[in-house]
Amino acid sequence: DLKVHLVKLQTALQRLQELDGLRKELQAKQQQATQEIGEVREAGKLA
């Protein structure tokens, strides 16, 4: 029965890698959004 557990661990590892990639992508998007919010607020303040 080792193969069954190996498949489970391989699946878990792949999903964990996908989620880590997603988290990094979302962090980058959050940083970009935060930067744009500051720029838009400054432009709106001047207007």
ModelCIF file with pLDDT and N, C-alpha, C, O atoms, coordinates in Angstrom:
data_MODEL
#
_entry.id   MODEL 
#
_entity.id                         1 
_entity.type                       polymer 
_entity.pdbx_number_of_molecules   1 
#
_entity_poly.entity_id                      1 
_entity_poly.type                           'polypeptide(L)' 
_entity_poly.nstd_linkage                   no 
_entity_poly.nstd_monomer                   no 
_entity_poly.pdbx_seq_one_letter_code       DLKVHLVKLQTALQRLQELDGLRKELQAKQQQATQEIGEVREAGKLA 
_entity_poly.pdbx_seq_one_letter_code_can   DLKVHLVKLQTALQRLQELDGLRKELQAKQQQATQEIGEVREAGKLA 
_entity_poly.pdbx_strand_id                 A 
#
loop_
_entity_poly_seq.entity_id 
_entity_poly_seq.num 
_entity_poly_seq.mon_id 
_entity_poly_seq.hetero 
1 1  ASP n 
1 2  LEU n 
1 3  LYS n 
1 4  VAL n 
1 5  HIS n 
1 6  LEU n 
1 7  VAL n 
1 8  LYS n 
1 9  LEU n 
1 10 GLN n 
1 11 THR n 
1 12 ALA n 
1 13 LEU n 
1 14 GLN n 
1 15 ARG n 
1 16 LEU n 
1 17 GLN n 
1 18 GLU n 
1 19 LEU n 
1 20 ASP n 
1 21 GLY n 
1 22 LEU n 
1 23 ARG n 
1 24 LYS n 
1 25 GLU n 
1 26 LEU n 
1 27 GLN n 
1 28 ALA n 
1 29 LYS n 
1 30 GLN n 
1 31 GLN n 
1 32 GLN n 
1 33 ALA n 
1 34 THR n 
1 35 GLN n 
1 36 GLU n 
1 37 ILE n 
1 38 GLY n 
1 39 GLU n 
1 40 VAL n 
1 41 ARG n 
1 42 GLU n 
1 43 ALA n 
1 44 GLY n 
1 45 LYS n 
1 46 LEU n 
1 47 ALA n 
#
_struct_asym.id          A 
_struct_asym.entity_id   1 
#
loop_
_ma_qa_metric.id 
_ma_qa_metric.mode 
_ma_qa_metric.name 
_ma_qa_metric.software_group_id 
_ma_qa_metric.type 
1 global pLDDT . pLDDT 
2 local  pLDDT . pLDDT 
#
_ma_qa_metric_global.metric_id      1 
_ma_qa_metric_global.metric_value   96.72 
_ma_qa_metric_global.model_id       1 
_ma_qa_metric_global.ordinal_id     1 
#
loop_
_ma_qa_metric_local.label_asym_id 
_ma_qa_metric_local.label_comp_id 
_ma_qa_metric_local.label_seq_id 
_ma_qa_metric_local.metric_id 
_ma_qa_metric_local.metric_value 
_ma_qa_metric_local.model_id 
_ma_qa_metric_local.ordinal_id 
A ASP 1  2 88.00 1 1  
A LEU 2  2 94.00 1 2  
A LYS 3  2 92.00 1 3  
A VAL 4  2 94.00 1 4  
A HIS 5  2 95.00 1 5  
A LEU 6  2 95.00 1 6  
A VAL 7  2 95.00 1 7  
A LYS 8  2 96.00 1 8  
A LEU 9  2 96.00 1 9  
A GLN 10 2 96.00 1 10 
A THR 11 2 97.00 1 11 
A ALA 12 2 97.00 1 12 
A LEU 13 2 97.00 1 13 
A GLN 14 2 97.00 1 14 
A ARG 15 2 98.00 1 15 
A LEU 16 2 96.00 1 16 
A GLN 17 2 96.00 1 17 
A GLU 18 2 97.00 1 18 
A LEU 19 2 97.00 1 19 
A ASP 20 2 96.00 1 20 
A GLY 21 2 97.00 1 21 
A LEU 22 2 98.00 1 22 
A ARG 23 2 97.00 1 23 
A LYS 24 2 97.00 1 24 
A GLU 25 2 98.00 1 25 
A LEU 26 2 98.00 1 26 
A GLN 27 2 98.00 1 27 
A ALA 28 2 98.00 1 28 
A LYS 29 2 98.00 1 29 
A GLN 30 2 98.00 1 30 
A GLN 31 2 98.00 1 31 
A GLN 32 2 98.00 1 32 
A ALA 33 2 98.00 1 33 
A THR 34 2 98.00 1 34 
A GLN 35 2 98.00 1 35 
A GLU 36 2 98.00 1 36 
A ILE 37 2 98.00 1 37 
A GLY 38 2 97.00 1 38 
A GLU 39 2 98.00 1 39 
A VAL 40 2 98.00 1 40 
A ARG 41 2 98.00 1 41 
A GLU 42 2 97.00 1 42 
A ALA 43 2 98.00 1 43 
A GLY 44 2 97.00 1 44 
A LYS 45 2 97.00 1 45 
A LEU 46 2 97.00 1 46 
A ALA 47 2 97.00 1 47 
#
loop_
_atom_site.group_PDB 
_atom_site.id 
_atom_site.type_symbol 
_atom_site.label_atom_id 
_atom_site.label_alt_id 
_atom_site.label_comp_id 
_atom_site.label_asym_id 
_atom_site.label_entity_id 
_atom_site.label_seq_id 
_atom_site.pdbx_PDB_ins_code 
_atom_site.Cartn_x 
_atom_site.Cartn_y 
_atom_site.Cartn_z 
_atom_site.occupancy 
_atom_site.B_iso_or_equiv 
_atom_site.pdbx_formal_charge 
_atom_site.auth_seq_id 
_atom_site.auth_comp_id 
_atom_site.auth_asym_id 
_atom_site.auth_atom_id 
_atom_site.pdbx_PDB_model_num 
ATOM 1   N N  . ASP A 1 1  ? 0.794   -1.236 0.000  1.00 88.00 ? 1  ASP A N  1 
ATOM 2   C CA . ASP A 1 1  ? 0.000   0.000  0.000  1.00 88.00 ? 1  ASP A CA 1 
ATOM 3   C C  . ASP A 1 1  ? 0.830   1.294  0.000  1.00 88.00 ? 1  ASP A C  1 
ATOM 4   O O  . ASP A 1 1  ? 0.260   2.363  0.214  1.00 88.00 ? 1  ASP A O  1 
ATOM 5   N N  . LEU A 1 2  ? 2.102   1.245  -0.221 1.00 94.00 ? 2  LEU A N  1 
ATOM 6   C CA . LEU A 1 2  ? 2.932   2.452  -0.202 1.00 94.00 ? 2  LEU A CA 1 
ATOM 7   C C  . LEU A 1 2  ? 2.575   3.387  -1.358 1.00 94.00 ? 2  LEU A C  1 
ATOM 8   O O  . LEU A 1 2  ? 2.601   4.609  -1.212 1.00 94.00 ? 2  LEU A O  1 
ATOM 9   N N  . LYS A 1 3  ? 2.240   2.793  -2.514 1.00 92.00 ? 3  LYS A N  1 
ATOM 10  C CA . LYS A 1 3  ? 1.931   3.605  -3.695 1.00 92.00 ? 3  LYS A CA 1 
ATOM 11  C C  . LYS A 1 3  ? 0.759   4.545  -3.430 1.00 92.00 ? 3  LYS A C  1 
ATOM 12  O O  . LYS A 1 3  ? 0.779   5.695  -3.868 1.00 92.00 ? 3  LYS A O  1 
ATOM 13  N N  . VAL A 1 4  ? -0.265  4.067  -2.717 1.00 94.00 ? 4  VAL A N  1 
ATOM 14  C CA . VAL A 1 4  ? -1.437  4.907  -2.404 1.00 94.00 ? 4  VAL A CA 1 
ATOM 15  C C  . VAL A 1 4  ? -0.998  6.139  -1.619 1.00 94.00 ? 4  VAL A C  1 
ATOM 16  O O  . VAL A 1 4  ? -1.443  7.252  -1.902 1.00 94.00 ? 4  VAL A O  1 
ATOM 17  N N  . HIS A 1 5  ? -0.142  5.943  -0.650 1.00 95.00 ? 5  HIS A N  1 
ATOM 18  C CA . HIS A 1 5  ? 0.311   7.056  0.187  1.00 95.00 ? 5  HIS A CA 1 
ATOM 19  C C  . HIS A 1 5  ? 1.267   7.979  -0.570 1.00 95.00 ? 5  HIS A C  1 
ATOM 20  O O  . HIS A 1 5  ? 1.282   9.191  -0.351 1.00 95.00 ? 5  HIS A O  1 
ATOM 21  N N  . LEU A 1 6  ? 2.051   7.397  -1.451 1.00 95.00 ? 6  LEU A N  1 
ATOM 22  C CA . LEU A 1 6  ? 2.934   8.217  -2.278 1.00 95.00 ? 6  LEU A CA 1 
ATOM 23  C C  . LEU A 1 6  ? 2.122   9.140  -3.191 1.00 95.00 ? 6  LEU A C  1 
ATOM 24  O O  . LEU A 1 6  ? 2.463   10.309 -3.368 1.00 95.00 ? 6  LEU A O  1 
ATOM 25  N N  . VAL A 1 7  ? 1.053   8.601  -3.763 1.00 95.00 ? 7  VAL A N  1 
ATOM 26  C CA . VAL A 1 7  ? 0.179   9.408  -4.627 1.00 95.00 ? 7  VAL A CA 1 
ATOM 27  C C  . VAL A 1 7  ? -0.464  10.536 -3.812 1.00 95.00 ? 7  VAL A C  1 
ATOM 28  O O  . VAL A 1 7  ? -0.550  11.669 -4.284 1.00 95.00 ? 7  VAL A O  1 
ATOM 29  N N  . LYS A 1 8  ? -0.909  10.233 -2.605 1.00 96.00 ? 8  LYS A N  1 
ATOM 30  C CA . LYS A 1 8  ? -1.508  11.258 -1.736 1.00 96.00 ? 8  LYS A CA 1 
ATOM 31  C C  . LYS A 1 8  ? -0.503  12.365 -1.425 1.00 96.00 ? 8  LYS A C  1 
ATOM 32  O O  . LYS A 1 8  ? -0.831  13.550 -1.491 1.00 96.00 ? 8  LYS A O  1 
ATOM 33  N N  . LEU A 1 9  ? 0.734   11.963 -1.082 1.00 96.00 ? 9  LEU A N  1 
ATOM 34  C CA . LEU A 1 9  ? 1.749   12.963 -0.757 1.00 96.00 ? 9  LEU A CA 1 
ATOM 35  C C  . LEU A 1 9  ? 2.128   13.773 -1.990 1.00 96.00 ? 9  LEU A C  1 
ATOM 36  O O  . LEU A 1 9  ? 2.314   14.986 -1.900 1.00 96.00 ? 9  LEU A O  1 
ATOM 37  N N  . GLN A 1 10 ? 2.243   13.111 -3.147 1.00 96.00 ? 10 GLN A N  1 
ATOM 38  C CA . GLN A 1 10 ? 2.562   13.827 -4.389 1.00 96.00 ? 10 GLN A CA 1 
ATOM 39  C C  . GLN A 1 10 ? 1.466   14.843 -4.716 1.00 96.00 ? 10 GLN A C  1 
ATOM 40  O O  . GLN A 1 10 ? 1.761   15.970 -5.114 1.00 96.00 ? 10 GLN A O  1 
ATOM 41  N N  . THR A 1 11 ? 0.211   14.448 -4.550 1.00 97.00 ? 11 THR A N  1 
ATOM 42  C CA . THR A 1 11 ? -0.923  15.345 -4.796 1.00 97.00 ? 11 THR A CA 1 
ATOM 43  C C  . THR A 1 11 ? -0.882  16.533 -3.825 1.00 97.00 ? 11 THR A C  1 
ATOM 44  O O  . THR A 1 11 ? -1.089  17.680 -4.221 1.00 97.00 ? 11 THR A O  1 
ATOM 45  N N  . ALA A 1 12 ? -0.614  16.239 -2.563 1.00 97.00 ? 12 ALA A N  1 
ATOM 46  C CA . ALA A 1 12 ? -0.541  17.297 -1.548 1.00 97.00 ? 12 ALA A CA 1 
ATOM 47  C C  . ALA A 1 12 ? 0.603   18.261 -1.867 1.00 97.00 ? 12 ALA A C  1 
ATOM 48  O O  . ALA A 1 12 ? 0.440   19.475 -1.747 1.00 97.00 ? 12 ALA A O  1 
ATOM 49  N N  . LEU A 1 13 ? 1.741   17.737 -2.267 1.00 97.00 ? 13 LEU A N  1 
ATOM 50  C CA . LEU A 1 13 ? 2.894   18.571 -2.599 1.00 97.00 ? 13 LEU A CA 1 
ATOM 51  C C  . LEU A 1 13 ? 2.588   19.478 -3.787 1.00 97.00 ? 13 LEU A C  1 
ATOM 52  O O  . LEU A 1 13 ? 2.909   20.666 -3.759 1.00 97.00 ? 13 LEU A O  1 
ATOM 53  N N  . GLN A 1 14 ? 1.972   18.928 -4.822 1.00 97.00 ? 14 GLN A N  1 
ATOM 54  C CA . GLN A 1 14 ? 1.627   19.737 -5.992 1.00 97.00 ? 14 GLN A CA 1 
ATOM 55  C C  . GLN A 1 14 ? 0.635   20.842 -5.627 1.00 97.00 ? 14 GLN A C  1 
ATOM 56  O O  . GLN A 1 14 ? 0.775   21.986 -6.060 1.00 97.00 ? 14 GLN A O  1 
ATOM 57  N N  . ARG A 1 15 ? -0.372  20.483 -4.823 1.00 98.00 ? 15 ARG A N  1 
ATOM 58  C CA . ARG A 1 15 ? -1.372  21.493 -4.425 1.00 98.00 ? 15 ARG A CA 1 
ATOM 59  C C  . ARG A 1 15 ? -0.742  22.567 -3.547 1.00 98.00 ? 15 ARG A C  1 
ATOM 60  O O  . ARG A 1 15 ? -1.060  23.748 -3.687 1.00 98.00 ? 15 ARG A O  1 
ATOM 61  N N  . LEU A 1 16 ? 0.134   22.171 -2.657 1.00 96.00 ? 16 LEU A N  1 
ATOM 62  C CA . LEU A 1 16 ? 0.816   23.125 -1.790 1.00 96.00 ? 16 LEU A CA 1 
ATOM 63  C C  . LEU A 1 16 ? 1.674   24.088 -2.613 1.00 96.00 ? 16 LEU A C  1 
ATOM 64  O O  . LEU A 1 16 ? 1.724   25.284 -2.323 1.00 96.00 ? 16 LEU A O  1 
ATOM 65  N N  . GLN A 1 17 ? 2.341   23.568 -3.632 1.00 96.00 ? 17 GLN A N  1 
ATOM 66  C CA . GLN A 1 17 ? 3.143   24.424 -4.514 1.00 96.00 ? 17 GLN A CA 1 
ATOM 67  C C  . GLN A 1 17 ? 2.259   25.396 -5.294 1.00 96.00 ? 17 GLN A C  1 
ATOM 68  O O  . GLN A 1 17 ? 2.620   26.560 -5.472 1.00 96.00 ? 17 GLN A O  1 
ATOM 69  N N  . GLU A 1 18 ? 1.102   24.920 -5.759 1.00 97.00 ? 18 GLU A N  1 
ATOM 70  C CA . GLU A 1 18 ? 0.155   25.794 -6.467 1.00 97.00 ? 18 GLU A CA 1 
ATOM 71  C C  . GLU A 1 18 ? -0.327  26.913 -5.549 1.00 97.00 ? 18 GLU A C  1 
ATOM 72  O O  . GLU A 1 18 ? -0.365  28.080 -5.940 1.00 97.00 ? 18 GLU A O  1 
ATOM 73  N N  . LEU A 1 19 ? -0.696  26.540 -4.323 1.00 97.00 ? 19 LEU A N  1 
ATOM 74  C CA . LEU A 1 19 ? -1.201  27.536 -3.376 1.00 97.00 ? 19 LEU A CA 1 
ATOM 75  C C  . LEU A 1 19 ? -0.124  28.547 -2.989 1.00 97.00 ? 19 LEU A C  1 
ATOM 76  O O  . LEU A 1 19 ? -0.410  29.733 -2.825 1.00 97.00 ? 19 LEU A O  1 
ATOM 77  N N  . ASP A 1 20 ? 1.108   28.076 -2.845 1.00 96.00 ? 20 ASP A N  1 
ATOM 78  C CA . ASP A 1 20 ? 2.203   28.991 -2.537 1.00 96.00 ? 20 ASP A CA 1 
ATOM 79  C C  . ASP A 1 20 ? 2.412   29.970 -3.687 1.00 96.00 ? 20 ASP A C  1 
ATOM 80  O O  . ASP A 1 20 ? 2.635   31.159 -3.462 1.00 96.00 ? 20 ASP A O  1 
ATOM 81  N N  . GLY A 1 21 ? 2.338   29.471 -4.917 1.00 97.00 ? 21 GLY A N  1 
ATOM 82  C CA . GLY A 1 21 ? 2.446   30.354 -6.083 1.00 97.00 ? 21 GLY A CA 1 
ATOM 83  C C  . GLY A 1 21 ? 1.313   31.366 -6.128 1.00 97.00 ? 21 GLY A C  1 
ATOM 84  O O  . GLY A 1 21 ? 1.528   32.540 -6.431 1.00 97.00 ? 21 GLY A O  1 
ATOM 85  N N  . LEU A 1 22 ? 0.106   30.902 -5.825 1.00 98.00 ? 22 LEU A N  1 
ATOM 86  C CA . LEU A 1 22 ? -1.047  31.801 -5.798 1.00 98.00 ? 22 LEU A CA 1 
ATOM 87  C C  . LEU A 1 22 ? -0.876  32.876 -4.727 1.00 98.00 ? 22 LEU A C  1 
ATOM 88  O O  . LEU A 1 22 ? -1.167  34.049 -4.959 1.00 98.00 ? 22 LEU A O  1 
ATOM 89  N N  . ARG A 1 23 ? -0.402  32.461 -3.554 1.00 97.00 ? 23 ARG A N  1 
ATOM 90  C CA . ARG A 1 23 ? -0.205  33.411 -2.464 1.00 97.00 ? 23 ARG A CA 1 
ATOM 91  C C  . ARG A 1 23 ? 0.807   34.475 -2.859 1.00 97.00 ? 23 ARG A C  1 
ATOM 92  O O  . ARG A 1 23 ? 0.594   35.657 -2.592 1.00 97.00 ? 23 ARG A O  1 
ATOM 93  N N  . LYS A 1 24 ? 1.909   34.072 -3.493 1.00 97.00 ? 24 LYS A N  1 
ATOM 94  C CA . LYS A 1 24 ? 2.924   35.035 -3.928 1.00 97.00 ? 24 LYS A CA 1 
ATOM 95  C C  . LYS A 1 24 ? 2.367   35.985 -4.982 1.00 97.00 ? 24 LYS A C  1 
ATOM 96  O O  . LYS A 1 24 ? 2.656   37.181 -4.970 1.00 97.00 ? 24 LYS A O  1 
ATOM 97  N N  . GLU A 1 25 ? 1.566   35.441 -5.891 1.00 98.00 ? 25 GLU A N  1 
ATOM 98  C CA . GLU A 1 25 ? 0.934   36.271 -6.931 1.00 98.00 ? 25 GLU A CA 1 
ATOM 99  C C  . GLU A 1 25 ? -0.010  37.290 -6.296 1.00 98.00 ? 25 GLU A C  1 
ATOM 100 O O  . GLU A 1 25 ? -0.019  38.457 -6.686 1.00 98.00 ? 25 GLU A O  1 
ATOM 101 N N  . LEU A 1 26 ? -0.801  36.851 -5.323 1.00 98.00 ? 26 LEU A N  1 
ATOM 102 C CA . LEU A 1 26 ? -1.740  37.755 -4.659 1.00 98.00 ? 26 LEU A CA 1 
ATOM 103 C C  . LEU A 1 26 ? -1.008  38.819 -3.837 1.00 98.00 ? 26 LEU A C  1 
ATOM 104 O O  . LEU A 1 26 ? -1.453  39.965 -3.770 1.00 98.00 ? 26 LEU A O  1 
ATOM 105 N N  . GLN A 1 27 ? 0.101   38.447 -3.217 1.00 98.00 ? 27 GLN A N  1 
ATOM 106 C CA . GLN A 1 27 ? 0.887   39.431 -2.480 1.00 98.00 ? 27 GLN A CA 1 
ATOM 107 C C  . GLN A 1 27 ? 1.415   40.503 -3.422 1.00 98.00 ? 27 GLN A C  1 
ATOM 108 O O  . GLN A 1 27 ? 1.407   41.688 -3.090 1.00 98.00 ? 27 GLN A O  1 
ATOM 109 N N  . ALA A 1 28 ? 1.875   40.083 -4.598 1.00 98.00 ? 28 ALA A N  1 
ATOM 110 C CA . ALA A 1 28 ? 2.372   41.045 -5.582 1.00 98.00 ? 28 ALA A CA 1 
ATOM 111 C C  . ALA A 1 28 ? 1.244   41.962 -6.048 1.00 98.00 ? 28 ALA A C  1 
ATOM 112 O O  . ALA A 1 28 ? 1.434   43.170 -6.194 1.00 98.00 ? 28 ALA A O  1 
ATOM 113 N N  . LYS A 1 29 ? 0.070   41.378 -6.278 1.00 98.00 ? 29 LYS A N  1 
ATOM 114 C CA . LYS A 1 29 ? -1.080  42.190 -6.696 1.00 98.00 ? 29 LYS A CA 1 
ATOM 115 C C  . LYS A 1 29 ? -1.507  43.149 -5.587 1.00 98.00 ? 29 LYS A C  1 
ATOM 116 O O  . LYS A 1 29 ? -1.886  44.288 -5.857 1.00 98.00 ? 29 LYS A O  1 
ATOM 117 N N  . GLN A 1 30 ? -1.442  42.685 -4.347 1.00 98.00 ? 30 GLN A N  1 
ATOM 118 C CA . GLN A 1 30 ? -1.803  43.554 -3.221 1.00 98.00 ? 30 GLN A CA 1 
ATOM 119 C C  . GLN A 1 30 ? -0.840  44.737 -3.136 1.00 98.00 ? 30 GLN A C  1 
ATOM 120 O O  . GLN A 1 30 ? -1.267  45.872 -2.924 1.00 98.00 ? 30 GLN A O  1 
ATOM 121 N N  . GLN A 1 31 ? 0.446   44.476 -3.299 1.00 98.00 ? 31 GLN A N  1 
ATOM 122 C CA . GLN A 1 31 ? 1.431   45.553 -3.264 1.00 98.00 ? 31 GLN A CA 1 
ATOM 123 C C  . GLN A 1 31 ? 1.186   46.542 -4.400 1.00 98.00 ? 31 GLN A C  1 
ATOM 124 O O  . GLN A 1 31 ? 1.275   47.754 -4.201 1.00 98.00 ? 31 GLN A O  1 
ATOM 125 N N  . GLN A 1 32 ? 0.880   46.031 -5.577 1.00 98.00 ? 32 GLN A N  1 
ATOM 126 C CA . GLN A 1 32 ? 0.594   46.893 -6.724 1.00 98.00 ? 32 GLN A CA 1 
ATOM 127 C C  . GLN A 1 32 ? -0.649  47.731 -6.459 1.00 98.00 ? 32 GLN A C  1 
ATOM 128 O O  . GLN A 1 32 ? -0.663  48.931 -6.732 1.00 98.00 ? 32 GLN A O  1 
ATOM 129 N N  . ALA A 1 33 ? -1.695  47.098 -5.925 1.00 98.00 ? 33 ALA A N  1 
ATOM 130 C CA . ALA A 1 33 ? -2.936  47.815 -5.635 1.00 98.00 ? 33 ALA A CA 1 
ATOM 131 C C  . ALA A 1 33 ? -2.697  48.893 -4.577 1.00 98.00 ? 33 ALA A C  1 
ATOM 132 O O  . ALA A 1 33 ? -3.231  49.997 -4.689 1.00 98.00 ? 33 ALA A O  1 
ATOM 133 N N  . THR A 1 34 ? -1.907  48.584 -3.561 1.00 98.00 ? 34 THR A N  1 
ATOM 134 C CA . THR A 1 34 ? -1.610  49.562 -2.521 1.00 98.00 ? 34 THR A CA 1 
ATOM 135 C C  . THR A 1 34 ? -0.868  50.758 -3.107 1.00 98.00 ? 34 THR A C  1 
ATOM 136 O O  . THR A 1 34 ? -1.148  51.902 -2.748 1.00 98.00 ? 34 THR A O  1 
ATOM 137 N N  . GLN A 1 35 ? 0.064   50.500 -3.995 1.00 98.00 ? 35 GLN A N  1 
ATOM 138 C CA . GLN A 1 35 ? 0.796   51.576 -4.639 1.00 98.00 ? 35 GLN A CA 1 
ATOM 139 C C  . GLN A 1 35 ? -0.143  52.434 -5.492 1.00 98.00 ? 35 GLN A C  1 
ATOM 140 O O  . GLN A 1 35 ? -0.068  53.662 -5.452 1.00 98.00 ? 35 GLN A O  1 
ATOM 141 N N  . GLU A 1 36 ? -1.020  51.794 -6.258 1.00 98.00 ? 36 GLU A N  1 
ATOM 142 C CA . GLU A 1 36 ? -1.951  52.537 -7.107 1.00 98.00 ? 36 GLU A CA 1 
ATOM 143 C C  . GLU A 1 36 ? -2.943  53.327 -6.273 1.00 98.00 ? 36 GLU A C  1 
ATOM 144 O O  . GLU A 1 36 ? -3.316  54.438 -6.649 1.00 98.00 ? 36 GLU A O  1 
ATOM 145 N N  . ILE A 1 37 ? -3.378  52.772 -5.145 1.00 98.00 ? 37 ILE A N  1 
ATOM 146 C CA . ILE A 1 37 ? -4.291  53.495 -4.261 1.00 98.00 ? 37 ILE A CA 1 
ATOM 147 C C  . ILE A 1 37 ? -3.642  54.805 -3.818 1.00 98.00 ? 37 ILE A C  1 
ATOM 148 O O  . ILE A 1 37 ? -4.282  55.857 -3.832 1.00 98.00 ? 37 ILE A O  1 
ATOM 149 N N  . GLY A 1 38 ? -2.382  54.737 -3.431 1.00 97.00 ? 38 GLY A N  1 
ATOM 150 C CA . GLY A 1 38 ? -1.678  55.953 -3.020 1.00 97.00 ? 38 GLY A CA 1 
ATOM 151 C C  . GLY A 1 38 ? -1.607  56.982 -4.133 1.00 97.00 ? 38 GLY A C  1 
ATOM 152 O O  . GLY A 1 38 ? -1.813  58.172 -3.894 1.00 97.00 ? 38 GLY A O  1 
ATOM 153 N N  . GLU A 1 39 ? -1.317  56.534 -5.347 1.00 98.00 ? 39 GLU A N  1 
ATOM 154 C CA . GLU A 1 39 ? -1.217  57.439 -6.492 1.00 98.00 ? 39 GLU A CA 1 
ATOM 155 C C  . GLU A 1 39 ? -2.569  58.071 -6.811 1.00 98.00 ? 39 GLU A C  1 
ATOM 156 O O  . GLU A 1 39 ? -2.650  59.272 -7.069 1.00 98.00 ? 39 GLU A O  1 
ATOM 157 N N  . VAL A 1 40 ? -3.626  57.269 -6.795 1.00 98.00 ? 40 VAL A N  1 
ATOM 158 C CA . VAL A 1 40 ? -4.967  57.781 -7.118 1.00 98.00 ? 40 VAL A CA 1 
ATOM 159 C C  . VAL A 1 40 ? -5.449  58.739 -6.027 1.00 98.00 ? 40 VAL A C  1 
ATOM 160 O O  . VAL A 1 40 ? -6.062  59.765 -6.322 1.00 98.00 ? 40 VAL A O  1 
ATOM 161 N N  . ARG A 1 41 ? -5.172  58.402 -4.773 1.00 98.00 ? 41 ARG A N  1 
ATOM 162 C CA . ARG A 1 41 ? -5.556  59.299 -3.672 1.00 98.00 ? 41 ARG A CA 1 
ATOM 163 C C  . ARG A 1 41 ? -4.866  60.649 -3.811 1.00 98.00 ? 41 ARG A C  1 
ATOM 164 O O  . ARG A 1 41 ? -5.486  61.691 -3.599 1.00 98.00 ? 41 ARG A O  1 
ATOM 165 N N  . GLU A 1 42 ? -3.589  60.634 -4.164 1.00 97.00 ? 42 GLU A N  1 
ATOM 166 C CA . GLU A 1 42 ? -2.844  61.885 -4.314 1.00 97.00 ? 42 GLU A CA 1 
ATOM 167 C C  . GLU A 1 42 ? -3.419  62.709 -5.462 1.00 97.00 ? 42 GLU A C  1 
ATOM 168 O O  . GLU A 1 42 ? -3.587  63.921 -5.328 1.00 97.00 ? 42 GLU A O  1 
ATOM 169 N N  . ALA A 1 43 ? -3.724  62.064 -6.588 1.00 98.00 ? 43 ALA A N  1 
ATOM 170 C CA . ALA A 1 43 ? -4.312  62.775 -7.732 1.00 98.00 ? 43 ALA A CA 1 
ATOM 171 C C  . ALA A 1 43 ? -5.688  63.334 -7.368 1.00 98.00 ? 43 ALA A C  1 
ATOM 172 O O  . ALA A 1 43 ? -6.017  64.463 -7.732 1.00 98.00 ? 43 ALA A O  1 
ATOM 173 N N  . GLY A 1 44 ? -6.484  62.550 -6.655 1.00 97.00 ? 44 GLY A N  1 
ATOM 174 C CA . GLY A 1 44 ? -7.801  63.013 -6.228 1.00 97.00 ? 44 GLY A CA 1 
ATOM 175 C C  . GLY A 1 44 ? -7.711  64.160 -5.240 1.00 97.00 ? 44 GLY A C  1 
ATOM 176 O O  . GLY A 1 44 ? -8.516  65.091 -5.282 1.00 97.00 ? 44 GLY A O  1 
ATOM 177 N N  . LYS A 1 45 ? -6.735  64.092 -4.358 1.00 97.00 ? 45 LYS A N  1 
ATOM 178 C CA . LYS A 1 45 ? -6.538  65.157 -3.368 1.00 97.00 ? 45 LYS A CA 1 
ATOM 179 C C  . LYS A 1 45 ? -6.226  66.476 -4.071 1.00 97.00 ? 45 LYS A C  1 
ATOM 180 O O  . LYS A 1 45 ? -6.763  67.524 -3.712 1.00 97.00 ? 45 LYS A O  1 
ATOM 181 N N  . LEU A 1 46 ? -5.345  66.412 -5.082 1.00 97.00 ? 46 LEU A N  1 
ATOM 182 C CA . LEU A 1 46 ? -5.014  67.622 -5.841 1.00 97.00 ? 46 LEU A CA 1 
ATOM 183 C C  . LEU A 1 46 ? -6.228  68.153 -6.595 1.00 97.00 ? 46 LEU A C  1 
ATOM 184 O O  . LEU A 1 46 ? -6.434  69.365 -6.656 1.00 97.00 ? 46 LEU A O  1 
ATOM 185 N N  . ALA A 1 47 ? -7.027  67.267 -7.166 1.00 97.00 ? 47 ALA A N  1 
ATOM 186 C CA . ALA A 1 47 ? -8.236  67.688 -7.884 1.00 97.00 ? 47 ALA A CA 1 
ATOM 187 C C  . ALA A 1 47 ? -9.221  68.349 -6.923 1.00 97.00 ? 47 ALA A C  1 
ATOM 188 O O  . ALA A 1 47 ? -10.300 68.772 -7.338 1.00 97.00 ? 47 ALA A O  1 
#
